[in-house]
C-alpha cells in the first residue's frame, strides 16, 4: 500500500494510545463531521502499554478505535510488533509504517 495523497488531504490527528481514550476521541471527531472517518496517527516507538500489557492489549485498543470509525496509521513500528501485526493480518486494516522507513514522497507502507 502506498502512502497515498488521500491520507495527507484529510486532517490527521496524533493520538497517544497510552494516555487518550481513542474511542471517545473518534466519537467527538465524527460528531463534527459524521461522513468522514478521521485519520489517527499512532507513534508505536515508545508505547508503554505494549511493554506493560502486551500486543493483545494494543491490538484490542486499535481495533476498538477502528470500529468507532477511524482510519489508523501506525508509524515507527518496530520489527517485533510489525511481525505480530503481519501474523494477525492487520496490515489489511491499518496503514503500517515500519521504524526503519524514512519519510519520503515515495515511501511504501506494508
PDB file of N, CA and C in Angstrom:
ATOM      1  N   UNK A   1       0.853  -1.160   0.000  1.00  0.00           N
ATOM      2  CA  UNK A   1       0.000   0.000   0.000  1.00  0.00           C
ATOM      3  C   UNK A   1       0.905   1.231   0.000  1.00  0.00           C
ATOM      4  N   UNK A   2       0.657   2.144  -0.874  1.00  0.00           N
ATOM      5  CA  UNK A   2       1.449   3.358  -0.939  1.00  0.00           C
ATOM      6  C   UNK A   2       0.912   4.387   0.035  1.00  0.00           C
ATOM      7  N   UNK A   3       1.829   5.205   0.529  1.00  0.00           N
ATOM      8  CA  UNK A   3       1.443   6.320   1.386  1.00  0.00           C
ATOM      9  C   UNK A   3       0.730   7.306   0.492  1.00  0.00           C
ATOM     10  N   UNK A   4      -0.587   7.240   0.451  1.00  0.00           N
ATOM     11  CA  UNK A   4      -1.344   7.955  -0.563  1.00  0.00           C
ATOM     12  C   UNK A   4      -1.675   9.386  -0.173  1.00  0.00           C
ATOM     13  N   UNK A   5      -1.988  10.161  -1.185  1.00  0.00           N
ATOM     14  CA  UNK A   5      -2.298  11.575  -1.003  1.00  0.00           C
ATOM     15  C   UNK A   5      -3.606  11.770  -0.250  1.00  0.00           C
ATOM     16  N   UNK A   6      -4.494  10.788  -0.282  1.00  0.00           N
ATOM     17  CA  UNK A   6      -5.772  10.902   0.412  1.00  0.00           C
ATOM     18  C   UNK A   6      -5.549  11.069   1.916  1.00  0.00           C
ATOM     19  N   UNK A   7      -4.572  10.351   2.470  1.00  0.00           N
ATOM     20  CA  UNK A   7      -4.278  10.484   3.892  1.00  0.00           C
ATOM     21  C   UNK A   7      -3.816  11.903   4.197  1.00  0.00           C
ATOM     22  N   UNK A   8      -3.007  12.472   3.305  1.00  0.00           N
ATOM     23  CA  UNK A   8      -2.495  13.818   3.525  1.00  0.00           C
ATOM     24  C   UNK A   8      -3.556  14.878   3.281  1.00  0.00           C
ATOM     25  N   UNK A   9      -4.546  14.594   2.440  1.00  0.00           N
ATOM     26  CA  UNK A   9      -5.593  15.557   2.123  1.00  0.00           C
ATOM     27  C   UNK A   9      -6.622  15.666   3.242  1.00  0.00           C
ATOM     28  N   UNK A  10      -6.725  14.653   4.067  1.00  0.00           N
ATOM     29  CA  UNK A  10      -7.678  14.628   5.163  1.00  0.00           C
ATOM     30  C   UNK A  10      -6.942  14.977   6.452  1.00  0.00           C
ATOM     31  N   UNK A  11      -7.534  15.765   7.328  1.00  0.00           N
ATOM     32  CA  UNK A  11      -6.845  16.091   8.584  1.00  0.00           C
ATOM     33  C   UNK A  11      -6.468  14.824   9.356  1.00  0.00           C
ATOM     34  N   UNK A  12      -5.261  14.835   9.897  1.00  0.00           N
ATOM     35  CA  UNK A  12      -4.778  13.707  10.675  1.00  0.00           C
ATOM     36  C   UNK A  12      -4.476  14.187  12.090  1.00  0.00           C
ATOM     37  N   UNK A  13      -4.761  13.348  13.056  1.00  0.00           N
ATOM     38  CA  UNK A  13      -4.588  13.693  14.459  1.00  0.00           C
ATOM     39  C   UNK A  13      -3.671  12.677  15.117  1.00  0.00           C
ATOM     40  N   UNK A  14      -2.605  13.170  15.750  1.00  0.00           N
ATOM     41  CA  UNK A  14      -1.724  12.289  16.510  1.00  0.00           C
ATOM     42  C   UNK A  14      -2.446  11.924  17.794  1.00  0.00           C
ATOM     43  N   UNK A  15      -2.411  10.657  18.125  1.00  0.00           N
ATOM     44  CA  UNK A  15      -3.085  10.193  19.337  1.00  0.00           C
ATOM     45  C   UNK A  15      -2.118   9.323  20.136  1.00  0.00           C
ATOM     46  N   UNK A  16      -2.116   9.531  21.437  1.00  0.00           N
ATOM     47  CA  UNK A  16      -1.296   8.733  22.343  1.00  0.00           C
ATOM     48  C   UNK A  16      -2.190   7.623  22.899  1.00  0.00           C
ATOM     49  N   UNK A  17      -2.025   6.437  22.368  1.00  0.00           N
ATOM     50  CA  UNK A  17      -2.854   5.294  22.778  1.00  0.00           C
ATOM     51  C   UNK A  17      -2.709   5.010  24.271  1.00  0.00           C
ATOM     52  N   UNK A  18      -1.535   5.316  24.849  1.00  0.00           N
ATOM     53  CA  UNK A  18      -1.311   5.089  26.276  1.00  0.00           C
ATOM     54  C   UNK A  18      -2.175   6.010  27.141  1.00  0.00           C
ATOM     55  N   UNK A  19      -2.352   7.251  26.709  1.00  0.00           N
ATOM     56  CA  UNK A  19      -2.996   8.251  27.561  1.00  0.00           C
ATOM     57  C   UNK A  19      -4.432   8.575  27.162  1.00  0.00           C
ATOM     58  N   UNK A  20      -4.720   8.544  25.889  1.00  0.00           N
ATOM     59  CA  UNK A  20      -6.018   9.020  25.404  1.00  0.00           C
ATOM     60  C   UNK A  20      -7.035   7.894  25.315  1.00  0.00           C
ATOM     61  N   UNK A  21      -8.290   8.265  25.494  1.00  0.00           N
ATOM     62  CA  UNK A  21      -9.392   7.358  25.191  1.00  0.00           C
ATOM     63  C   UNK A  21      -9.688   7.560  23.708  1.00  0.00           C
ATOM     64  N   UNK A  22      -9.036   6.769  22.878  1.00  0.00           N
ATOM     65  CA  UNK A  22      -9.103   6.965  21.434  1.00  0.00           C
ATOM     66  C   UNK A  22     -10.511   6.762  20.886  1.00  0.00           C
ATOM     67  N   UNK A  23     -11.289   5.892  21.498  1.00  0.00           N
ATOM     68  CA  UNK A  23     -12.658   5.669  21.038  1.00  0.00           C
ATOM     69  C   UNK A  23     -13.489   6.929  21.267  1.00  0.00           C
ATOM     70  N   UNK A  24     -13.356   7.548  22.424  1.00  0.00           N
ATOM     71  CA  UNK A  24     -14.081   8.790  22.706  1.00  0.00           C
ATOM     72  C   UNK A  24     -13.613   9.902  21.786  1.00  0.00           C
ATOM     73  N   UNK A  25     -12.327   9.962  21.497  1.00  0.00           N
ATOM     74  CA  UNK A  25     -11.790  10.958  20.566  1.00  0.00           C
ATOM     75  C   UNK A  25     -12.440  10.798  19.193  1.00  0.00           C
ATOM     76  N   UNK A  26     -12.530   9.569  18.713  1.00  0.00           N
ATOM     77  CA  UNK A  26     -13.138   9.314  17.406  1.00  0.00           C
ATOM     78  C   UNK A  26     -14.606   9.729  17.415  1.00  0.00           C
ATOM     79  N   UNK A  27     -15.299   9.422  18.477  1.00  0.00           N
ATOM     80  CA  UNK A  27     -16.717   9.812  18.571  1.00  0.00           C
ATOM     81  C   UNK A  27     -16.882  11.320  18.495  1.00  0.00           C
ATOM     82  N   UNK A  28     -16.011  12.071  19.191  1.00  0.00           N
ATOM     83  CA  UNK A  28     -16.091  13.528  19.146  1.00  0.00           C
ATOM     84  C   UNK A  28     -15.760  14.055  17.757  1.00  0.00           C
ATOM     85  N   UNK A  29     -14.745  13.478  17.113  1.00  0.00           N
ATOM     86  CA  UNK A  29     -14.378  13.916  15.766  1.00  0.00           C
ATOM     87  C   UNK A  29     -15.477  13.591  14.757  1.00  0.00           C
ATOM     88  N   UNK A  30     -16.093  12.433  14.892  1.00  0.00           N
ATOM     89  CA  UNK A  30     -17.168  12.038  13.964  1.00  0.00           C
ATOM     90  C   UNK A  30     -18.416  12.883  14.179  1.00  0.00           C
ATOM     91  N   UNK A  31     -18.630  13.336  15.401  1.00  0.00           N
ATOM     92  CA  UNK A  31     -19.791  14.182  15.674  1.00  0.00           C
ATOM     93  C   UNK A  31     -19.695  15.486  14.882  1.00  0.00           C
ATOM     94  N   UNK A  32     -18.473  16.007  14.740  1.00  0.00           N
ATOM     95  CA  UNK A  32     -18.265  17.227  13.973  1.00  0.00           C
ATOM     96  C   UNK A  32     -18.429  17.025  12.476  1.00  0.00           C
ATOM     97  N   UNK A  33     -18.102  15.838  11.983  1.00  0.00           N
ATOM     98  CA  UNK A  33     -18.211  15.525  10.557  1.00  0.00           C
ATOM     99  C   UNK A  33     -18.534  14.033  10.422  1.00  0.00           C
ATOM    100  N   UNK A  34     -19.807  13.660  10.516  1.00  0.00           N
ATOM    101  CA  UNK A  34     -20.189  12.245  10.556  1.00  0.00           C
ATOM    102  C   UNK A  34     -19.911  11.456   9.278  1.00  0.00           C
ATOM    103  N   UNK A  35     -19.704  12.133   8.156  1.00  0.00           N
ATOM    104  CA  UNK A  35     -19.476  11.403   6.906  1.00  0.00           C
ATOM    105  C   UNK A  35     -18.012  11.070   6.663  1.00  0.00           C
ATOM    106  N   UNK A  36     -17.123  11.647   7.452  1.00  0.00           N
ATOM    107  CA  UNK A  36     -15.692  11.440   7.223  1.00  0.00           C
ATOM    108  C   UNK A  36     -15.072  10.648   8.372  1.00  0.00           C
ATOM    109  N   UNK A  37     -14.278   9.622   8.007  1.00  0.00           N
ATOM    110  CA  UNK A  37     -13.552   8.846   9.002  1.00  0.00           C
ATOM    111  C   UNK A  37     -12.267   9.604   9.357  1.00  0.00           C
ATOM    112  N   UNK A  38     -12.075   9.973  10.620  1.00  0.00           N
ATOM    113  CA  UNK A  38     -10.856  10.701  10.977  1.00  0.00           C
ATOM    114  C   UNK A  38      -9.615   9.809  10.849  1.00  0.00           C
ATOM    115  N   UNK A  39      -8.505  10.424  10.474  1.00  0.00           N
ATOM    116  CA  UNK A  39      -7.217   9.725  10.395  1.00  0.00           C
ATOM    117  C   UNK A  39      -6.474   9.953  11.704  1.00  0.00           C
ATOM    118  N   UNK A  40      -6.115   8.863  12.362  1.00  0.00           N
ATOM    119  CA  UNK A  40      -5.351   8.955  13.594  1.00  0.00           C
ATOM    120  C   UNK A  40      -3.954   8.406  13.366  1.00  0.00           C
ATOM    121  N   UNK A  41      -2.958   9.138  13.844  1.00  0.00           N
ATOM    122  CA  UNK A  41      -1.558   8.731  13.730  1.00  0.00           C
ATOM    123  C   UNK A  41      -1.106   8.212  15.080  1.00  0.00           C
ATOM    124  N   UNK A  42      -0.582   6.988  15.099  1.00  0.00           N
ATOM    125  CA  UNK A  42      -0.146   6.359  16.345  1.00  0.00           C
ATOM    126  C   UNK A  42       1.352   6.072  16.245  1.00  0.00           C
ATOM    127  N   UNK A  43       2.125   6.746  17.097  1.00  0.00           N
ATOM    128  CA  UNK A  43       3.571   6.515  17.163  1.00  0.00           C
ATOM    129  C   UNK A  43       3.809   5.294  18.046  1.00  0.00           C
ATOM    130  N   UNK A  44       4.305   4.228  17.448  1.00  0.00           N
ATOM    131  CA  UNK A  44       4.478   2.961  18.166  1.00  0.00           C
ATOM    132  C   UNK A  44       5.865   2.794  18.778  1.00  0.00           C
ATOM    133  N   UNK A  45       6.699   3.823  18.686  1.00  0.00           N
ATOM    134  CA  UNK A  45       8.083   3.693  19.134  1.00  0.00           C
ATOM    135  C   UNK A  45       8.211   3.519  20.642  1.00  0.00           C
ATOM    136  N   UNK A  46       7.436   4.249  21.422  1.00  0.00           N
ATOM    137  CA  UNK A  46       7.593   4.197  22.881  1.00  0.00           C
ATOM    138  C   UNK A  46       6.270   3.909  23.580  1.00  0.00           C
ATOM    139  N   UNK A  47       5.526   2.938  23.095  1.00  0.00           N
ATOM    140  CA  UNK A  47       4.234   2.627  23.701  1.00  0.00           C
ATOM    141  C   UNK A  47       4.429   1.900  25.028  1.00  0.00           C
ATOM    142  N   UNK A  48       3.990   2.541  26.091  1.00  0.00           N
ATOM    143  CA  UNK A  48       4.097   1.946  27.420  1.00  0.00           C
ATOM    144  C   UNK A  48       3.188   0.714  27.525  1.00  0.00           C
ATOM    145  N   UNK A  49       1.993   0.801  26.936  1.00  0.00           N
ATOM    146  CA  UNK A  49       1.050  -0.319  27.039  1.00  0.00           C
ATOM    147  C   UNK A  49       1.584  -1.571  26.344  1.00  0.00           C
ATOM    148  N   UNK A  50       2.398  -1.396  25.334  1.00  0.00           N
ATOM    149  CA  UNK A  50       2.983  -2.541  24.639  1.00  0.00           C
ATOM    150  C   UNK A  50       3.941  -3.285  25.554  1.00  0.00           C
ATOM    151  N   UNK A  51       4.710  -2.538  26.343  1.00  0.00           N
ATOM    152  CA  UNK A  51       5.660  -3.154  27.267  1.00  0.00           C
ATOM    153  C   UNK A  51       4.980  -3.734  28.504  1.00  0.00           C
ATOM    154  N   UNK A  52       3.939  -3.053  28.996  1.00  0.00           N
ATOM    155  CA  UNK A  52       3.324  -3.482  30.252  1.00  0.00           C
ATOM    156  C   UNK A  52       2.159  -4.455  30.080  1.00  0.00           C
ATOM    157  N   UNK A  53       1.406  -4.296  28.981  1.00  0.00           N
ATOM    158  CA  UNK A  53       0.211  -5.135  28.805  1.00  0.00           C
ATOM    159  C   UNK A  53       0.283  -6.064  27.609  1.00  0.00           C
ATOM    160  N   UNK A  54       1.179  -5.792  26.667  1.00  0.00           N
ATOM    161  CA  UNK A  54       1.396  -6.704  25.560  1.00  0.00           C
ATOM    162  C   UNK A  54       0.671  -6.339  24.272  1.00  0.00           C
ATOM    163  N   UNK A  55       0.971  -7.139  23.257  1.00  0.00           N
ATOM    164  CA  UNK A  55       0.450  -6.908  21.911  1.00  0.00           C
ATOM    165  C   UNK A  55      -1.070  -7.048  21.872  1.00  0.00           C
ATOM    166  N   UNK A  56      -1.614  -8.017  22.600  1.00  0.00           N
ATOM    167  CA  UNK A  56      -3.063  -8.231  22.534  1.00  0.00           C
ATOM    168  C   UNK A  56      -3.829  -7.012  23.034  1.00  0.00           C
ATOM    169  N   UNK A  57      -3.328  -6.349  24.082  1.00  0.00           N
ATOM    170  CA  UNK A  57      -3.985  -5.141  24.581  1.00  0.00           C
ATOM    171  C   UNK A  57      -3.932  -4.039  23.537  1.00  0.00           C
ATOM    172  N   UNK A  58      -2.752  -3.833  22.951  1.00  0.00           N
ATOM    173  CA  UNK A  58      -2.607  -2.801  21.924  1.00  0.00           C
ATOM    174  C   UNK A  58      -3.521  -3.074  20.737  1.00  0.00           C
ATOM    175  N   UNK A  59      -3.539  -4.300  20.261  1.00  0.00           N
ATOM    176  CA  UNK A  59      -4.374  -4.654  19.116  1.00  0.00           C
ATOM    177  C   UNK A  59      -5.851  -4.438  19.457  1.00  0.00           C
ATOM    178  N   UNK A  60      -6.247  -4.789  20.659  1.00  0.00           N
ATOM    179  CA  UNK A  60      -7.629  -4.577  21.085  1.00  0.00           C
ATOM    180  C   UNK A  60      -7.993  -3.099  21.044  1.00  0.00           C
ATOM    181  N   UNK A  61      -7.119  -2.234  21.565  1.00  0.00           N
ATOM    182  CA  UNK A  61      -7.367  -0.780  21.547  1.00  0.00           C
ATOM    183  C   UNK A  61      -7.456  -0.267  20.116  1.00  0.00           C
ATOM    184  N   UNK A  62      -6.556  -0.750  19.255  1.00  0.00           N
ATOM    185  CA  UNK A  62      -6.556  -0.309  17.861  1.00  0.00           C
ATOM    186  C   UNK A  62      -7.831  -0.743  17.141  1.00  0.00           C
ATOM    187  N   UNK A  63      -8.263  -1.983  17.374  1.00  0.00           N
ATOM    188  CA  UNK A  63      -9.477  -2.481  16.734  1.00  0.00           C
ATOM    189  C   UNK A  63     -10.718  -1.740  17.228  1.00  0.00           C
ATOM    190  N   UNK A  64     -10.778  -1.447  18.527  1.00  0.00           N
ATOM    191  CA  UNK A  64     -11.906  -0.669  19.059  1.00  0.00           C
ATOM    192  C   UNK A  64     -11.939   0.730  18.444  1.00  0.00           C
ATOM    193  N   UNK A  65     -10.770   1.318  18.269  1.00  0.00           N
ATOM    194  CA  UNK A  65     -10.682   2.650  17.672  1.00  0.00           C
ATOM    195  C   UNK A  65     -11.140   2.620  16.225  1.00  0.00           C
ATOM    196  N   UNK A  66     -10.740   1.590  15.508  1.00  0.00           N
ATOM    197  CA  UNK A  66     -11.163   1.457  14.110  1.00  0.00           C
ATOM    198  C   UNK A  66     -12.666   1.216  14.015  1.00  0.00           C
ATOM    199  N   UNK A  67     -13.181   0.385  14.890  1.00  0.00           N
ATOM    200  CA  UNK A  67     -14.615   0.103  14.916  1.00  0.00           C
ATOM    201  C   UNK A  67     -15.421   1.370  15.221  1.00  0.00           C
ATOM    202  N   UNK A  68     -14.846   2.256  16.024  1.00  0.00           N
ATOM    203  CA  UNK A  68     -15.516   3.520  16.339  1.00  0.00           C
ATOM    204  C   UNK A  68     -15.579   4.446  15.125  1.00  0.00           C
ATOM    205  N   UNK A  69     -14.751   4.154  14.096  1.00  0.00           N
ATOM    206  CA  UNK A  69     -14.861   4.927  12.863  1.00  0.00           C
ATOM    207  C   UNK A  69     -13.614   5.639  12.399  1.00  0.00           C
ATOM    208  N   UNK A  70     -12.456   5.257  12.885  1.00  0.00           N
ATOM    209  CA  UNK A  70     -11.220   5.944  12.498  1.00  0.00           C
ATOM    210  C   UNK A  70     -10.381   5.097  11.549  1.00  0.00           C
ATOM    211  N   UNK A  71      -9.602   5.786  10.739  1.00  0.00           N
ATOM    212  CA  UNK A  71      -8.539   5.151   9.972  1.00  0.00           C
ATOM    213  C   UNK A  71      -7.268   5.351  10.779  1.00  0.00           C
ATOM    214  N   UNK A  72      -6.417   4.326  10.841  1.00  0.00           N
ATOM    215  CA  UNK A  72      -5.217   4.406  11.665  1.00  0.00           C
ATOM    216  C   UNK A  72      -3.965   4.234  10.834  1.00  0.00           C
ATOM    217  N   UNK A  73      -2.993   5.086  11.117  1.00  0.00           N
ATOM    218  CA  UNK A  73      -1.650   4.940  10.564  1.00  0.00           C
ATOM    219  C   UNK A  73      -0.730   4.692  11.740  1.00  0.00           C
ATOM    220  N   UNK A  74      -0.139   3.519  11.771  1.00  0.00           N
ATOM    221  CA  UNK A  74       0.822   3.165  12.813  1.00  0.00           C
ATOM    222  C   UNK A  74       2.208   3.428  12.249  1.00  0.00           C
ATOM    223  N   UNK A  75       2.981   4.272  12.914  1.00  0.00           N
ATOM    224  CA  UNK A  75       4.312   4.561  12.412  1.00  0.00           C
ATOM    225  C   UNK A  75       5.347   4.298  13.501  1.00  0.00           C
ATOM    226  N   UNK A  76       6.605   4.213  13.091  1.00  0.00           N
ATOM    227  CA  UNK A  76       7.701   3.804  13.975  1.00  0.00           C
ATOM    228  C   UNK A  76       7.425   2.418  14.562  1.00  0.00           C
ATOM    229  N   UNK A  77       6.908   1.535  13.739  1.00  0.00           N
ATOM    230  CA  UNK A  77       6.584   0.171  14.176  1.00  0.00           C
ATOM    231  C   UNK A  77       7.863  -0.657  14.133  1.00  0.00           C
ATOM    232  N   UNK A  78       8.265  -1.155  15.292  1.00  0.00           N
ATOM    233  CA  UNK A  78       9.471  -1.980  15.400  1.00  0.00           C
ATOM    234  C   UNK A  78       9.287  -3.341  14.751  1.00  0.00           C
ATOM    235  N   UNK A  79      10.375  -4.056  14.511  1.00  0.00           N
ATOM    236  CA  UNK A  79      10.293  -5.339  13.800  1.00  0.00           C
ATOM    237  C   UNK A  79       9.439  -6.399  14.504  1.00  0.00           C
ATOM    238  N   UNK A  80       9.485  -6.451  15.834  1.00  0.00           N
ATOM    239  CA  UNK A  80       8.705  -7.468  16.553  1.00  0.00           C
ATOM    240  C   UNK A  80       7.215  -7.177  16.445  1.00  0.00           C
ATOM    241  N   UNK A  81       6.834  -5.919  16.666  1.00  0.00           N
ATOM    242  CA  UNK A  81       5.425  -5.544  16.539  1.00  0.00           C
ATOM    243  C   UNK A  81       4.963  -5.693  15.096  1.00  0.00           C
ATOM    244  N   UNK A  82       5.810  -5.309  14.158  1.00  0.00           N
ATOM    245  CA  UNK A  82       5.469  -5.445  12.737  1.00  0.00           C
ATOM    246  C   UNK A  82       5.165  -6.901  12.399  1.00  0.00           C
ATOM    247  N   UNK A  83       6.003  -7.797  12.862  1.00  0.00           N
ATOM    248  CA  UNK A  83       5.789  -9.231  12.591  1.00  0.00           C
ATOM    249  C   UNK A  83       4.481  -9.714  13.230  1.00  0.00           C
ATOM    250  N   UNK A  84       4.214  -9.283  14.449  1.00  0.00           N
ATOM    251  CA  UNK A  84       2.970  -9.691  15.117  1.00  0.00           C
ATOM    252  C   UNK A  84       1.756  -9.179  14.348  1.00  0.00           C
ATOM    253  N   UNK A  85       1.799  -7.937  13.893  1.00  0.00           N
ATOM    254  CA  UNK A  85       0.685  -7.373  13.132  1.00  0.00           C
ATOM    255  C   UNK A  85       0.500  -8.097  11.800  1.00  0.00           C
ATOM    256  N   UNK A  86       1.613  -8.484  11.180  1.00  0.00           N
ATOM    257  CA  UNK A  86       1.528  -9.228   9.924  1.00  0.00           C
ATOM    258  C   UNK A  86       0.953 -10.626  10.154  1.00  0.00           C
ATOM    259  N   UNK A  87       1.371 -11.289  11.222  1.00  0.00           N
ATOM    260  CA  UNK A  87       0.829 -12.627  11.518  1.00  0.00           C
ATOM    261  C   UNK A  87      -0.673 -12.574  11.783  1.00  0.00           C
ATOM    262  N   UNK A  88      -1.117 -11.486  12.388  1.00  0.00           N
ATOM    263  CA  UNK A  88      -2.546 -11.297  12.641  1.00  0.00           C
ATOM    264  C   UNK A  88      -3.282 -10.733  11.428  1.00  0.00           C
ATOM    265  N   UNK A  89      -2.547 -10.472  10.356  1.00  0.00           N
ATOM    266  CA  UNK A  89      -3.064  -9.926   9.096  1.00  0.00           C
ATOM    267  C   UNK A  89      -3.757  -8.582   9.290  1.00  0.00           C
ATOM    268  N   UNK A  90      -3.200  -7.779  10.191  1.00  0.00           N
ATOM    269  CA  UNK A  90      -3.792  -6.473  10.468  1.00  0.00           C
ATOM    270  C   UNK A  90      -3.316  -5.389   9.520  1.00  0.00           C
ATOM    271  N   UNK A  91      -2.367  -5.705   8.656  1.00  0.00           N
ATOM    272  CA  UNK A  91      -1.950  -4.734   7.637  1.00  0.00           C
ATOM    273  C   UNK A  91      -3.101  -4.467   6.674  1.00  0.00           C
ATOM    274  N   UNK A  92      -4.124  -5.299   6.701  1.00  0.00           N
ATOM    275  CA  UNK A  92      -5.305  -5.075   5.872  1.00  0.00           C
ATOM    276  C   UNK A  92      -6.234  -4.021   6.486  1.00  0.00           C
ATOM    277  N   UNK A  93      -6.098  -3.788   7.790  1.00  0.00           N
ATOM    278  CA  UNK A  93      -6.963  -2.832   8.488  1.00  0.00           C
ATOM    279  C   UNK A  93      -6.277  -1.514   8.802  1.00  0.00           C
ATOM    280  N   UNK A  94      -4.968  -1.556   9.008  1.00  0.00           N
ATOM    281  CA  UNK A  94      -4.223  -0.364   9.405  1.00  0.00           C
ATOM    282  C   UNK A  94      -3.122  -0.090   8.399  1.00  0.00           C
ATOM    283  N   UNK A  95      -2.791   1.188   8.229  1.00  0.00           N
ATOM    284  CA  UNK A  95      -1.587   1.550   7.481  1.00  0.00           C
ATOM    285  C   UNK A  95      -0.425   1.390   8.453  1.00  0.00           C
ATOM    286  N   UNK A  96       0.613   0.716   8.022  1.00  0.00           N
ATOM    287  CA  UNK A  96       1.742   0.430   8.904  1.00  0.00           C
ATOM    288  C   UNK A  96       3.007   0.972   8.268  1.00  0.00           C
ATOM    289  N   UNK A  97       3.736   1.766   9.046  1.00  0.00           N
ATOM    290  CA  UNK A  97       4.976   2.367   8.588  1.00  0.00           C
ATOM    291  C   UNK A  97       6.095   1.881   9.501  1.00  0.00           C
ATOM    292  N   UNK A  98       6.920   0.964   9.018  1.00  0.00           N
ATOM    293  CA  UNK A  98       7.990   0.398   9.860  1.00  0.00           C
ATOM    294  C   UNK A  98       8.975   1.461  10.353  1.00  0.00           C
ATOM    295  N   UNK A  99       9.592   1.190  11.496  1.00  0.00           N
ATOM    296  CA  UNK A  99      10.534   2.132  12.104  1.00  0.00           C
ATOM    297  C   UNK A  99      11.741   2.369  11.225  1.00  0.00           C
ATOM    298  N   UNK A 100      12.136   1.403  10.432  1.00  0.00           N
ATOM    299  CA  UNK A 100      13.330   1.539   9.604  1.00  0.00           C
ATOM    300  C   UNK A 100      13.083   2.407   8.374  1.00  0.00           C
ATOM    301  N   UNK A 101      11.821   2.702   8.084  1.00  0.00           N
ATOM    302  CA  UNK A 101      11.491   3.511   6.907  1.00  0.00           C
ATOM    303  C   UNK A 101      11.789   4.975   7.186  1.00  0.00           C
ATOM    304  N   UNK A 102      12.255   5.648   6.173  1.00  0.00           N
ATOM    305  CA  UNK A 102      12.493   7.085   6.293  1.00  0.00           C
ATOM    306  C   UNK A 102      11.420   7.818   5.517  1.00  0.00           C
ATOM    307  N   UNK A 103      10.899   8.909   6.050  1.00  0.00           N
ATOM    308  CA  UNK A 103       9.847   9.642   5.358  1.00  0.00           C
ATOM    309  C   UNK A 103      10.324  10.177   3.997  1.00  0.00           C
ATOM    310  N   UNK A 104       9.524   9.917   2.982  1.00  0.00           N
ATOM    311  CA  UNK A 104       9.783  10.457   1.659  1.00  0.00           C
ATOM    312  C   UNK A 104       8.489  10.369   0.876  1.00  0.00           C
ATOM    313  N   UNK A 105       8.438  11.049  -0.232  1.00  0.00           N
ATOM    314  CA  UNK A 105       7.229  11.053  -1.045  1.00  0.00           C
ATOM    315  C   UNK A 105       6.922   9.711  -1.673  1.00  0.00           C
ATOM    316  N   UNK A 106       7.908   8.822  -1.762  1.00  0.00           N
ATOM    317  CA  UNK A 106       7.707   7.542  -2.426  1.00  0.00           C
ATOM    318  C   UNK A 106       7.748   6.379  -1.446  1.00  0.00           C
ATOM    319  N   UNK A 107       7.530   6.642  -0.184  1.00  0.00           N
ATOM    320  CA  UNK A 107       7.611   5.601   0.834  1.00  0.00           C
ATOM    321  C   UNK A 107       6.494   4.582   0.654  1.00  0.00           C
ATOM    322  N   UNK A 108       6.837   3.318   0.729  1.00  0.00           N
ATOM    323  CA  UNK A 108       5.865   2.239   0.632  1.00  0.00           C
ATOM    324  C   UNK A 108       5.503   1.754   2.025  1.00  0.00           C
ATOM    325  N   UNK A 109       4.215   1.614   2.270  1.00  0.00           N
ATOM    326  CA  UNK A 109       3.733   1.073   3.534  1.00  0.00           C
ATOM    327  C   UNK A 109       3.441  -0.394   3.363  1.00  0.00           C
ATOM    328  N   UNK A 110       3.426  -1.102   4.472  1.00  0.00           N
ATOM    329  CA  UNK A 110       3.127  -2.533   4.452  1.00  0.00           C
ATOM    330  C   UNK A 110       1.641  -2.717   4.413  1.00  0.00           C
TER     331      UNK A 110
END
